[in-house]
C-alpha atoms as a PDB file:
ATOM      1  CA  MET A   1      94.000 340.420 250.764  1.00  0.00           C
ATOM      2  CA  LYS A   2      93.062 341.166 254.151  1.00  0.00           C
ATOM      3  CA  LEU A   3      92.825 344.640 255.132  1.00  0.00           C
ATOM      4  CA  PRO A   4      94.875 346.163 258.088  1.00  0.00           C
ATOM      5  CA  GLU A   5      93.088 346.921 261.273  1.00  0.00           C
ATOM      6  CA  ILE A   6      93.344 350.239 262.648  1.00  0.00           C
ATOM      7  CA  LEU A   7      95.104 350.002 266.319  1.00  0.00           C
ATOM      8  CA  ALA A   8      95.464 353.687 267.119  1.00  0.00           C
ATOM      9  CA  PHE A   9      95.474 356.838 265.294  1.00  0.00           C
ATOM     10  CA  GLY A  10      94.786 360.810 265.699  1.00  0.00           C
ATOM     11  CA  GLU A  11      96.702 364.179 265.701  1.00  0.00           C
ATOM     12  CA  HIS A  12      99.405 365.035 268.325  1.00  0.00           C
ATOM     13  CA  ARG A  13     100.271 368.886 268.859  1.00  0.00           C
ATOM     14  CA  SER A  14     103.036 369.936 271.496  1.00  0.00           C
ATOM     15  CA  THR A  15     105.724 372.491 272.176  1.00  0.00           C
ATOM     16  CA  CYS A  16     108.928 371.516 273.195  1.00  0.00           C
ATOM     17  CA  ALA A  17     107.804 368.392 274.772  1.00  0.00           C
ATOM     18  CA  VAL A  18     109.196 364.887 275.652  1.00  0.00           C
ATOM     19  CA  GLY A  19     106.727 361.818 274.890  1.00  0.00           C
ATOM     20  CA  GLN A  20     106.529 358.650 276.850  1.00  0.00           C
ATOM     21  CA  TRP A  21     108.071 355.742 275.861  1.00  0.00           C
ATOM     22  CA  HIS A  22     105.518 353.444 273.951  1.00  0.00           C
ATOM     23  CA  GLN A  23     105.144 350.697 271.402  1.00  0.00           C
ATOM     24  CA  HIS A  24     102.219 348.929 269.324  1.00  0.00           C
ATOM     25  CA  ASP A  25     101.128 345.770 268.502  1.00  0.00           C
ATOM     26  CA  GLY A  26     101.497 346.912 264.510  1.00  0.00           C
ATOM     27  CA  PRO A  27     103.519 349.369 262.992  1.00  0.00           C
ATOM     28  CA  GLU A  28     103.178 352.817 262.649  1.00  0.00           C
ATOM     29  CA  LEU A  29     103.343 355.873 260.533  1.00  0.00           C
ATOM     30  CA  VAL A  30     104.044 359.420 261.940  1.00  0.00           C
ATOM     31  CA  TRP A  31     103.299 362.290 259.110  1.00  0.00           C
ATOM     32  CA  VAL A  32     104.960 365.867 260.259  1.00  0.00           C
ATOM     33  CA  VAL A  33     102.655 368.014 259.357  1.00  0.00           C
ATOM     34  CA  ARG A  34     104.138 371.128 260.856  1.00  0.00           C
ATOM     35  CA  GLY A  35     107.440 371.585 262.921  1.00  0.00           C
ATOM     36  CA  ALA A  36     110.194 369.487 263.391  1.00  0.00           C
ATOM     37  CA  CYS A  37     110.761 366.711 265.945  1.00  0.00           C
ATOM     38  CA  THR A  38     112.790 363.704 266.719  1.00  0.00           C
ATOM     39  CA  ILE A  39     112.003 359.851 267.279  1.00  0.00           C
ATOM     40  CA  THR A  40     114.070 357.724 269.028  1.00  0.00           C
ATOM     41  CA  VAL A  41     113.620 353.847 268.490  1.00  0.00           C
ATOM     42  CA  GLN A  42     114.912 351.813 271.227  1.00  0.00           C
ATOM     43  CA  GLY A  43     118.076 349.728 269.925  1.00  0.00           C
ATOM     44  CA  ARG A  44     119.085 352.771 267.185  1.00  0.00           C
ATOM     45  CA  ALA A  45     122.058 354.640 268.504  1.00  0.00           C
ATOM     46  CA  GLU A  46     120.737 358.071 267.233  1.00  0.00           C
ATOM     47  CA  ALA A  47     117.732 359.869 266.916  1.00  0.00           C
ATOM     48  CA  MET A  48     115.596 360.409 263.811  1.00  0.00           C
ATOM     49  CA  GLN A  49     114.757 363.936 263.408  1.00  0.00           C
ATOM     50  CA  ALA A  50     112.546 365.269 260.739  1.00  0.00           C
ATOM     51  CA  SER A  51     110.531 368.116 259.858  1.00  0.00           C
ATOM     52  CA  SER A  52     107.577 369.345 258.095  1.00  0.00           C
ATOM     53  CA  GLY A  53     106.532 367.004 254.932  1.00  0.00           C
ATOM     54  CA  ASN A  54     108.607 363.861 256.282  1.00  0.00           C
ATOM     55  CA  LEU A  55     107.135 360.765 257.208  1.00  0.00           C
ATOM     56  CA  PHE A  56     108.475 358.219 259.940  1.00  0.00           C
ATOM     57  CA  ILE A  57     107.721 354.753 259.491  1.00  0.00           C
ATOM     58  CA  LEU A  58     108.299 352.684 262.887  1.00  0.00           C
ATOM     59  CA  PRO A  59     108.185 348.752 263.477  1.00  0.00           C
ATOM     60  CA  ALA A  60     106.011 347.146 265.685  1.00  0.00           C
ATOM     61  CA  ARG A  61     106.317 346.217 269.355  1.00  0.00           C
ATOM     62  CA  ILE A  62     109.453 347.990 269.667  1.00  0.00           C
ATOM     63  CA  PRO A  63     109.483 350.998 272.058  1.00  0.00           C
ATOM     64  CA  HIS A  64     109.927 354.551 270.893  1.00  0.00           C
ATOM     65  CA  ARG A  65     109.322 358.427 271.813  1.00  0.00           C
ATOM     66  CA  GLN A  66     108.877 361.388 270.075  1.00  0.00           C
ATOM     67  CA  VAL A  67     110.558 364.710 271.316  1.00  0.00           C
ATOM     68  CA  SER A  68     109.052 368.049 269.845  1.00  0.00           C
ATOM     69  CA  LEU A  69     111.741 370.706 268.487  1.00  0.00           C
ATOM     70  CA  GLY A  70     109.454 373.903 268.961  1.00  0.00           C
ATOM     71  CA  THR A  71     105.578 373.497 268.166  1.00  0.00           C
ATOM     72  CA  VAL A  72     104.910 370.475 266.230  1.00  0.00           C
ATOM     73  CA  ARG A  73     101.861 369.078 264.865  1.00  0.00           C
ATOM     74  CA  THR A  74     102.025 365.172 263.634  1.00  0.00           C
ATOM     75  CA  TRP A  75      99.392 362.724 262.276  1.00  0.00           C
ATOM     76  CA  TYR A  76      99.633 358.971 263.188  1.00  0.00           C
ATOM     77  CA  VAL A  77      98.063 355.855 262.519  1.00  0.00           C
ATOM     78  CA  ALA A  78      99.184 352.497 263.814  1.00  0.00           C
ATOM     79  CA  PHE A  79      97.825 349.314 262.472  1.00  0.00           C
ATOM     80  CA  ASP A  80      98.555 345.160 262.267  1.00  0.00           C
ATOM     81  CA  GLN A  81     101.075 344.459 259.880  1.00  0.00           C
ATOM     82  CA  PRO A  82      99.335 343.121 256.517  1.00  0.00           C
ATOM     83  CA  THR A  83     100.391 339.594 255.482  1.00  0.00           C
ATOM     84  CA  MET A  84     102.194 340.978 252.520  1.00  0.00           C
ATOM     85  CA  GLY A  85     105.770 341.752 252.799  1.00  0.00           C
ATOM     86  CA  TRP A  86     105.765 345.278 253.429  1.00  0.00           C
ATOM     87  CA  ASP A  87     109.220 346.686 255.077  1.00  0.00           C
ATOM     88  CA  PHE A  88     108.437 348.726 258.340  1.00  0.00           C
ATOM     89  CA  SER A  89     112.154 349.059 259.529  1.00  0.00           C
ATOM     90  CA  PRO A  90     112.790 352.658 261.263  1.00  0.00           C
ATOM     91  CA  ARG A  91     113.244 355.009 258.576  1.00  0.00           C
ATOM     92  CA  ILE A  92     112.184 358.712 257.534  1.00  0.00           C
ATOM     93  CA  LEU A  93     110.647 359.280 254.042  1.00  0.00           C
ATOM     94  CA  ASN A  94     110.553 362.627 252.097  1.00  0.00           C
ATOM     95  CA  VAL A  95     106.824 363.093 251.148  1.00  0.00           C
ATOM     96  CA  ARG A  96     107.083 366.723 250.489  1.00  0.00           C
ATOM     97  CA  GLY A  97     104.626 367.522 247.257  1.00  0.00           C
ATOM     98  CA  GLU A  98     102.662 363.953 247.932  1.00  0.00           C
ATOM     99  CA  GLU A  99      99.280 366.034 248.403  1.00  0.00           C
ATOM    100  CA  THR A 100      97.377 362.952 247.777  1.00  0.00           C
ATOM    101  CA  LEU A 101      98.982 360.942 250.243  1.00  0.00           C
ATOM    102  CA  LYS A 102      98.927 363.507 252.668  1.00  0.00           C
ATOM    103  CA  LYS A 103      95.031 363.961 252.108  1.00  0.00           C
ATOM    104  CA  TRP A 104      94.613 360.101 252.776  1.00  0.00           C
ATOM    105  CA  MET A 105      96.670 360.578 256.066  1.00  0.00           C
ATOM    106  CA  SER A 106      94.315 363.502 256.948  1.00  0.00           C
ATOM    107  CA  TRP A 107      91.288 361.410 256.310  1.00  0.00           C
ATOM    108  CA  ILE A 108      92.587 358.534 258.347  1.00  0.00           C
ATOM    109  CA  CYS A 109      93.784 360.573 261.249  1.00  0.00           C
ATOM    110  CA  LEU A 110      91.197 363.303 261.712  1.00  0.00           C
ATOM    111  CA  ARG A 111      87.917 361.639 261.032  1.00  0.00           C
ATOM    112  CA  LYS A 112      87.696 360.671 264.567  1.00  0.00           C
ATOM    113  CA  LYS A 113      83.868 360.738 264.735  1.00  0.00           C
ATOM    114  CA  GLU A 114      83.407 358.648 262.047  1.00  0.00           C
ATOM    115  CA  THR A 115      82.714 355.290 263.670  1.00  0.00           C
ATOM    116  CA  HIS A 116      80.158 353.278 261.961  1.00  0.00           C
ATOM    117  CA  LEU A 117      81.197 350.276 260.168  1.00  0.00           C
ATOM    118  CA  GLY A 118      81.399 351.768 256.535  1.00  0.00           C
ATOM    119  CA  TRP A 119      84.151 354.442 257.566  1.00  0.00           C
ATOM    120  CA  THR A 120      86.202 351.708 259.582  1.00  0.00           C
ATOM    121  CA  GLU A 121      86.489 349.837 256.495  1.00  0.00           C
ATOM    122  CA  SER A 122      87.083 352.700 254.536  1.00  0.00           C
ATOM    123  CA  ARG A 123      89.945 353.981 256.880  1.00  0.00           C
ATOM    124  CA  SER A 124      91.236 350.711 256.621  1.00  0.00           C
ATOM    125  CA  CYS A 125      91.190 350.630 252.910  1.00  0.00           C
ATOM    126  CA  LEU A 126      93.052 354.208 253.155  1.00  0.00           C
ATOM    127  CA  VAL A 127      95.938 352.746 254.948  1.00  0.00           C
ATOM    128  CA  MET A 128      96.390 350.087 252.355  1.00  0.00           C
ATOM    129  CA  ALA A 129      96.247 352.779 249.901  1.00  0.00           C
ATOM    130  CA  VAL A 130      98.767 354.663 251.732  1.00  0.00           C
ATOM    131  CA  LEU A 131     101.120 351.950 252.195  1.00  0.00           C
ATOM    132  CA  ARG A 132     100.936 351.403 248.452  1.00  0.00           C
ATOM    133  CA  ARG A 133     101.753 354.903 247.570  1.00  0.00           C
ATOM    134  CA  VAL A 134     104.772 355.023 250.085  1.00  0.00           C
ATOM    135  CA  ALA A 135     106.527 351.831 248.281  1.00  0.00           C
ATOM    136  CA  TYR A 136     105.719 353.473 245.244  1.00  0.00           C
ATOM    137  CA  VAL A 137     107.586 356.788 246.505  1.00  0.00           C
ATOM    138  CA  GLU A 138     110.460 354.661 247.795  1.00  0.00           C
ATOM    139  CA  GLU A 139     110.650 352.398 244.651  1.00  0.00           C
ATOM    140  CA  ARG A 140     110.470 355.754 242.595  1.00  0.00           C
ATOM    141  CA  ILE A 141     113.406 357.140 244.714  1.00  0.00           C
ATOM    142  CA  GLU A 142     115.559 354.077 244.343  1.00  0.00           C
ATOM    143  CA  THR A 143     115.127 353.739 240.712  1.00  0.00           C
ATOM    144  CA  THR A 144     116.258 357.435 240.121  1.00  0.00           C
ATOM    145  CA  ARG A 145     119.059 357.491 242.486  1.00  0.00           C
ATOM    146  CA  HIS A 146     121.727 356.390 240.084  1.00  0.00           C
ATOM    147  CA  ILE A 147     120.773 358.278 236.971  1.00  0.00           C
ATOM    148  CA  PRO A 148     121.690 362.008 236.012  1.00  0.00           C
ATOM    149  CA  PRO A 149     119.721 364.619 238.223  1.00  0.00           C
ATOM    150  CA  SER A 150     118.099 366.032 235.173  1.00  0.00           C
ATOM    151  CA  LEU A 151     116.772 362.879 233.871  1.00  0.00           C
ATOM    152  CA  GLY A 152     115.322 362.085 237.581  1.00  0.00           C
ATOM    153  CA  ILE A 153     113.474 365.334 237.439  1.00  0.00           C
ATOM    154  CA  ALA A 154     112.000 364.749 234.105  1.00  0.00           C
ATOM    155  CA  LEU A 155     110.959 361.198 234.999  1.00  0.00           C
ATOM    156  CA  ARG A 156     109.209 362.230 238.568  1.00  0.00           C
ATOM    157  CA  HIS A 157     107.445 364.787 236.666  1.00  0.00           C
ATOM    158  CA  LEU A 158     106.106 362.474 234.282  1.00  0.00           C
ATOM    159  CA  GLN A 159     105.095 360.034 236.643  1.00  0.00           C
ATOM    160  CA  ASP A 160     103.223 362.528 238.679  1.00  0.00           C
ATOM    161  CA  HIS A 161     101.664 364.234 235.498  1.00  0.00           C
ATOM    162  CA  PHE A 162     101.205 361.347 233.025  1.00  0.00           C
ATOM    163  CA  THR A 163      97.474 362.211 232.289  1.00  0.00           C
ATOM    164  CA  ASN A 164      98.452 366.000 231.543  1.00  0.00           C
ATOM    165  CA  GLU A 165      99.554 367.432 228.478  1.00  0.00           C
ATOM    166  CA  ILE A 166     103.372 368.386 228.310  1.00  0.00           C
ATOM    167  CA  THR A 167     105.497 369.605 225.433  1.00  0.00           C
ATOM    168  CA  LEU A 168     108.982 368.235 225.117  1.00  0.00           C
ATOM    169  CA  SER A 169     110.201 371.842 225.336  1.00  0.00           C
ATOM    170  CA  ASP A 170     108.376 372.291 228.803  1.00  0.00           C
ATOM    171  CA  LEU A 171     109.793 368.747 229.854  1.00  0.00           C
ATOM    172  CA  ALA A 172     113.395 369.972 229.154  1.00  0.00           C
ATOM    173  CA  SER A 173     113.107 373.345 230.684  1.00  0.00           C
ATOM    174  CA  ARG A 174     111.794 371.306 233.973  1.00  0.00           C
ATOM    175  CA  ALA A 175     114.796 369.308 233.817  1.00  0.00           C
ATOM    176  CA  GLY A 176     117.065 372.000 232.832  1.00  0.00           C
ATOM    177  CA  VAL A 177     118.391 370.809 229.622  1.00  0.00           C
ATOM    178  CA  SER A 178     117.829 371.165 225.818  1.00  0.00           C
ATOM    179  CA  VAL A 179     115.217 368.910 224.294  1.00  0.00           C
ATOM    180  CA  SER A 180     118.051 367.185 222.289  1.00  0.00           C
ATOM    181  CA  LEU A 181     119.899 366.244 225.467  1.00  0.00           C
ATOM    182  CA  LEU A 182     116.745 365.045 227.090  1.00  0.00           C
ATOM    183  CA  LYS A 183     116.147 362.827 224.268  1.00  0.00           C
ATOM    184  CA  GLN A 184     119.548 361.605 224.410  1.00  0.00           C
ATOM    185  CA  LEU A 185     119.336 360.933 228.182  1.00  0.00           C
ATOM    186  CA  PHE A 186     116.421 358.705 227.569  1.00  0.00           C
ATOM    187  CA  ARG A 187     117.464 357.053 224.994  1.00  0.00           C
ATOM    188  CA  SER A 188     121.201 356.382 226.676  1.00  0.00           C
ATOM    189  CA  GLU A 189     119.463 355.470 230.146  1.00  0.00           C
ATOM    190  CA  LEU A 190     116.219 353.860 229.258  1.00  0.00           C
ATOM    191  CA  GLY A 191     116.529 352.807 225.710  1.00  0.00           C
ATOM    192  CA  ILE A 192     113.199 354.416 225.350  1.00  0.00           C
ATOM    193  CA  SER A 193     112.126 358.105 224.140  1.00  0.00           C
ATOM    194  CA  PRO A 194     110.299 360.505 226.523  1.00  0.00           C
ATOM    195  CA  ILE A 195     106.879 359.879 224.384  1.00  0.00           C
ATOM    196  CA  GLN A 196     107.151 356.108 225.052  1.00  0.00           C
ATOM    197  CA  HIS A 197     107.851 356.192 228.633  1.00  0.00           C
ATOM    198  CA  ARG A 198     104.796 358.534 229.129  1.00  0.00           C
ATOM    199  CA  ASN A 199     102.735 355.900 227.039  1.00  0.00           C
ATOM    200  CA  ASP A 200     103.965 353.227 229.191  1.00  0.00           C
ATOM    201  CA  LEU A 201     102.969 355.396 232.213  1.00  0.00           C
ATOM    202  CA  ARG A 202      99.337 355.740 230.565  1.00  0.00           C
ATOM    203  CA  LEU A 203      98.979 351.970 229.653  1.00  0.00           C
ATOM    204  CA  SER A 204     100.086 350.880 233.077  1.00  0.00           C
ATOM    205  CA  HIS A 205      97.379 353.077 234.663  1.00  0.00           C
ATOM    206  CA  ALA A 206      94.702 351.760 231.971  1.00  0.00           C
ATOM    207  CA  LYS A 207      95.405 348.359 232.623  1.00  0.00           C
ATOM    208  CA  ALA A 208      94.230 349.062 236.572  1.00  0.00           C
ATOM    209  CA  LEU A 209      91.651 351.024 235.676  1.00  0.00           C
ATOM    210  CA  LEU A 210      90.060 348.648 233.349  1.00  0.00           C
ATOM    211  CA  SER A 211      89.480 346.121 236.224  1.00  0.00           C
ATOM    212  CA  ASN A 212      86.549 348.615 237.109  1.00  0.00           C
ATOM    213  CA  CYS A 213      83.674 347.051 235.074  1.00  0.00           C
ATOM    214  CA  TYR A 214      81.893 350.348 235.484  1.00  0.00           C
ATOM    215  CA  LEU A 215      84.105 352.268 233.318  1.00  0.00           C
ATOM    216  CA  THR A 216      83.649 352.263 229.507  1.00  0.00           C
ATOM    217  CA  VAL A 217      86.610 351.974 227.163  1.00  0.00           C
ATOM    218  CA  GLY A 218      86.478 355.658 226.458  1.00  0.00           C
ATOM    219  CA  GLU A 219      86.235 356.863 229.811  1.00  0.00           C
ATOM    220  CA  VAL A 220      89.642 354.690 230.708  1.00  0.00           C
ATOM    221  CA  ALA A 221      91.370 356.401 227.600  1.00  0.00           C
ATOM    222  CA  GLU A 222      90.174 360.075 228.936  1.00  0.00           C
ATOM    223  CA  GLN A 223      91.017 359.199 232.600  1.00  0.00           C
ATOM    224  CA  CYS A 224      94.644 358.211 231.316  1.00  0.00           C
ATOM    225  CA  GLY A 225      95.345 361.402 229.408  1.00  0.00           C
ATOM    226  CA  PHE A 226      94.358 360.069 225.736  1.00  0.00           C
ATOM    227  CA  SER A 227      91.933 362.794 223.987  1.00  0.00           C
ATOM    228  CA  ASP A 228      91.726 360.352 221.248  1.00  0.00           C
ATOM    229  CA  PRO A 229      90.097 356.893 222.015  1.00  0.00           C
ATOM    230  CA  ASN A 230      91.049 355.475 218.663  1.00  0.00           C
ATOM    231  CA  TYR A 231      94.454 356.129 219.364  1.00  0.00           C
ATOM    232  CA  PHE A 232      94.191 354.497 222.814  1.00  0.00           C
ATOM    233  CA  VAL A 233      92.809 351.552 221.444  1.00  0.00           C
ATOM    234  CA  ARG A 234      95.640 351.219 218.972  1.00  0.00           C
ATOM    235  CA  LEU A 235      98.338 351.724 220.758  1.00  0.00           C
ATOM    236  CA  PHE A 236      96.853 349.465 223.731  1.00  0.00           C
ATOM    237  CA  HIS A 237      96.915 346.760 221.036  1.00  0.00           C
ATOM    238  CA  GLN A 238     100.127 347.534 219.582  1.00  0.00           C
ATOM    239  CA  ARG A 239     102.013 347.258 223.115  1.00  0.00           C
ATOM    240  CA  LEU A 240     100.099 344.613 224.631  1.00  0.00           C
ATOM    241  CA  GLY A 241      98.891 342.460 221.759  1.00  0.00           C
ATOM    242  CA  THR A 242      95.493 342.806 222.730  1.00  0.00           C
ATOM    243  CA  SER A 243      92.374 345.228 222.854  1.00  0.00           C
ATOM    244  CA  PRO A 244      91.352 346.903 225.819  1.00  0.00           C
ATOM    245  CA  GLY A 245      87.810 345.129 225.666  1.00  0.00           C
ATOM    246  CA  MET A 246      89.526 341.592 225.847  1.00  0.00           C
ATOM    247  CA  TRP A 247      91.913 342.730 228.349  1.00  0.00           C
ATOM    248  CA  ARG A 248      89.054 343.541 230.599  1.00  0.00           C
ATOM    249  CA  LYS A 249      87.895 340.073 230.244  1.00  0.00           C
ATOM    250  CA  LYS A 250      91.181 338.547 231.714  1.00  0.00           C
ATOM    251  CA  PRO A 251      90.674 339.431 235.322  1.00  0.00           C
ATOM    252  CA  GLY A 252      86.933 338.605 235.195  1.00  0.00           C
ATOM    253  CA  THR A 253      85.690 341.834 235.246  1.00  0.00           C
ATOM    254  CA  PHE A 254      84.652 341.858 231.510  1.00  0.00           C
ATOM    255  CA  ARG A 255      80.918 343.499 230.767  1.00  0.00           C
ATOM    256  CA  ARG A 256      78.606 342.790 228.060  1.00  0.00           C
ATOM    257  CA  GLY A 257      78.806 345.674 225.845  1.00  0.00           C
ATOM    258  CA  ASP A 258      82.487 346.593 225.957  1.00  0.00           C
ATOM    259  CA  ARG A 259      83.509 344.998 222.837  1.00  0.00           C
ATOM    260  CA  GLU A 260      80.569 346.953 220.996  1.00  0.00           C
ATOM    261  CA  ASN A 261      81.571 350.122 222.313  1.00  0.00           C
ATOM    262  CA  GLU A 262      85.468 349.360 221.271  1.00  0.00           C
ATOM    263  CA  LYS A 263      84.030 348.296 217.458  1.00  0.00           C
ATOM    264  CA  ALA A 264      82.248 351.422 217.310  1.00  0.00           C
ATOM    265  CA  ILE A 265      85.639 353.106 217.623  1.00  0.00           C
ATOM    266  CA  VAL A 266      86.628 353.677 214.065  1.00  0.00           C
ATOM    267  CA  PRO A 267      90.740 353.604 213.514  1.00  0.00           C
ATOM    268  CA  ARG A 268      92.008 356.584 211.811  1.00  0.00           C
ATOM    269  CA  LYS A 269      95.455 357.465 210.436  1.00  0.00           C
ATOM    270  CA  ASP A 270      97.860 359.085 212.892  1.00  0.00           C
ATOM    271  CA  ALA A 271      98.415 362.934 212.626  1.00  0.00           C
ATOM    272  CA  LYS A 272     102.035 363.594 211.744  1.00  0.00           C
ATOM    273  CA  ALA A 273     103.973 364.687 214.573  1.00  0.00           C
ATOM    274  CA  ALA A 274     104.781 368.533 214.697  1.00  0.00           C
ATOM    275  CA  LYS A 275     107.576 370.356 216.088  1.00  0.00           C
ATOM    276  CA  GLY A 276     106.991 371.118 219.683  1.00  0.00           C
ATOM    277  CA  MET A 277     104.397 368.360 219.793  1.00  0.00           C
ATOM    278  CA  VAL A 278     102.427 367.521 223.133  1.00  0.00           C
ATOM    279  CA  LEU A 279     103.898 364.409 224.865  1.00  0.00           C
END
């Protein structure tokens, strides 16, 4: 996949200022770091207004201008449009709490002195990572739009913290419901239990990590939140029909020694679930 070429990036600070109409040859992302502002896009009847923790998504080659509502600080990056079918129609995305995304944007926009080839490529990789995360956040919002609010809270928390240990009672407390109601919501809306959903998230992450030939199966298990690599291997085979080592071989990143490492993991019986068990 071709990485996006950066056209413009940086930080903008202003106080009650009306910006100039301008456009870029590629789409632009504008992160409101502090304060509030509006952006008017030519052809739209109303201006879009956003505050700290919001992200403007702006299309290519369409004039727009920013108006600061008081003291405002924003980060921006414009880039040529990737070959994949990304949606860059003008809109605002709530990214409050997306600390990793915020860190990536800061690296892209604030490190202007880094001009060597290696960092130029790294900045393009970061833009691609930001786009993928934005797509994920929007998909998560759309997925949880039509489900009970309490279930949406639980799903978002599991999605953001699936590698951490969390009990059913803690998850239910965050969602503002009882443990029994939480289980009922998962079964009725998703057809699975909270534990199964958490494991699905972990296994999905594991498949991505297994493409990295420098990680052992045990390290992948640990980074996905499995304290017991034996359980990880059994669950992986049960859900996906193959072992982690053989899955790694599929994309061509299989490394000699992985199967031996995997054989060294001796299966053992699962411990009985206890009340208040860790997810």
